[in-house]
Amino acid sequence: MAALVWIGAALSLGGVAALVWCIIYVVGLRRAQLDEATMRARMQKAVLVNFAALAISTLGLMMVVAGLFLR
């Protein structure tokens, strides 16, 4: 079950890394001062990646907890 914990931790860290990428991406978009249509289209990409990162991070944390319970 130790492998489940480590795999879950890696997934959680990957999700957190993707969340940090989203933050950096959106800050860069705000500094670029794009028109509204372009900004909206690019923000949709960031929202999609954000939701996926949250899901991956949550799945990883569930794997860590399950691995600790099964130990």
Protein backbone atom coordinates (compact mmCIF):
# COMPACT_ATOMS: atom_id res chain seq x y z
CA MET A 1 0.00 0.00 0.00
CA ALA A 2 3.00 2.27 0.24
CA ALA A 3 2.97 2.55 -3.54
CA LEU A 4 -0.60 3.86 -3.40
CA VAL A 5 0.50 6.61 -1.03
CA TRP A 6 3.44 7.64 -3.20
CA ILE A 7 1.42 7.59 -6.42
CA GLY A 8 -1.29 9.66 -4.74
CA ALA A 9 1.29 12.13 -3.47
CA ALA A 10 2.75 12.47 -6.97
CA LEU A 11 -0.72 13.09 -8.42
CA SER A 12 -1.42 15.71 -5.77
CA LEU A 13 1.85 17.49 -6.47
CA GLY A 14 1.13 17.41 -10.20
CA GLY A 15 -2.27 18.96 -9.55
CA VAL A 16 -0.75 21.69 -7.40
CA ALA A 17 1.84 22.38 -10.10
CA ALA A 18 -0.96 22.77 -12.65
CA LEU A 19 -2.75 25.18 -10.29
CA VAL A 20 0.41 27.27 -10.02
CA TRP A 21 0.62 27.27 -13.82
CA CYS A 22 -2.97 28.56 -13.97
CA ILE A 23 -2.15 31.41 -11.62
CA ILE A 24 0.93 32.42 -13.59
CA TYR A 25 -0.98 32.13 -16.89
CA VAL A 26 -3.85 34.34 -15.72
CA VAL A 27 -1.50 36.97 -14.26
CA GLY A 28 0.25 37.09 -17.62
CA LEU A 29 -3.08 37.48 -19.40
CA ARG A 30 -4.11 40.35 -17.15
CA ARG A 31 -0.82 42.13 -17.76
CA ALA A 32 -1.18 41.71 -21.54
CA GLN A 33 -4.35 43.86 -21.53
CA LEU A 34 -6.01 41.97 -24.39
CA ASP A 35 -9.41 42.77 -25.82
CA GLU A 36 -12.39 41.13 -24.13
CA ALA A 37 -13.04 38.40 -26.72
CA THR A 38 -9.44 37.21 -26.76
CA MET A 39 -9.22 37.38 -22.98
CA ARG A 40 -12.42 35.35 -22.62
CA ALA A 41 -11.20 32.66 -25.02
CA ARG A 42 -7.86 32.31 -23.25
CA MET A 43 -9.48 32.36 -19.80
CA GLN A 44 -11.67 29.41 -20.82
CA LYS A 45 -8.48 27.40 -21.33
CA ALA A 46 -7.27 28.39 -17.87
CA VAL A 47 -10.59 27.44 -16.28
CA LEU A 48 -10.51 24.02 -17.95
CA VAL A 49 -6.97 23.35 -16.76
CA ASN A 50 -7.90 24.65 -13.30
CA PHE A 51 -10.81 22.22 -12.94
CA ALA A 52 -8.70 19.33 -14.23
CA ALA A 53 -5.91 20.21 -11.79
CA LEU A 54 -8.34 20.31 -8.89
CA ALA A 55 -9.77 16.93 -9.89
CA ILE A 56 -6.32 15.35 -10.21
CA SER A 57 -5.20 16.80 -6.90
CA THR A 58 -8.36 15.55 -5.17
CA LEU A 59 -7.93 12.09 -6.66
CA GLY A 60 -4.33 12.03 -5.45
CA LEU A 61 -5.32 13.02 -1.94
CA MET A 62 -8.00 10.31 -1.90
CA MET A 63 -5.37 7.78 -2.93
CA VAL A 64 -3.07 8.92 -0.12
CA VAL A 65 -5.83 8.60 2.47
CA ALA A 66 -6.89 5.19 1.13
CA GLY A 67 -3.29 4.01 1.19
CA LEU A 68 -2.87 5.14 4.79
CA PHE A 69 -6.09 3.42 5.89
CA LEU A 70 -5.15 0.17 4.17
CA ARG A 71 -1.69 0.13 5.69
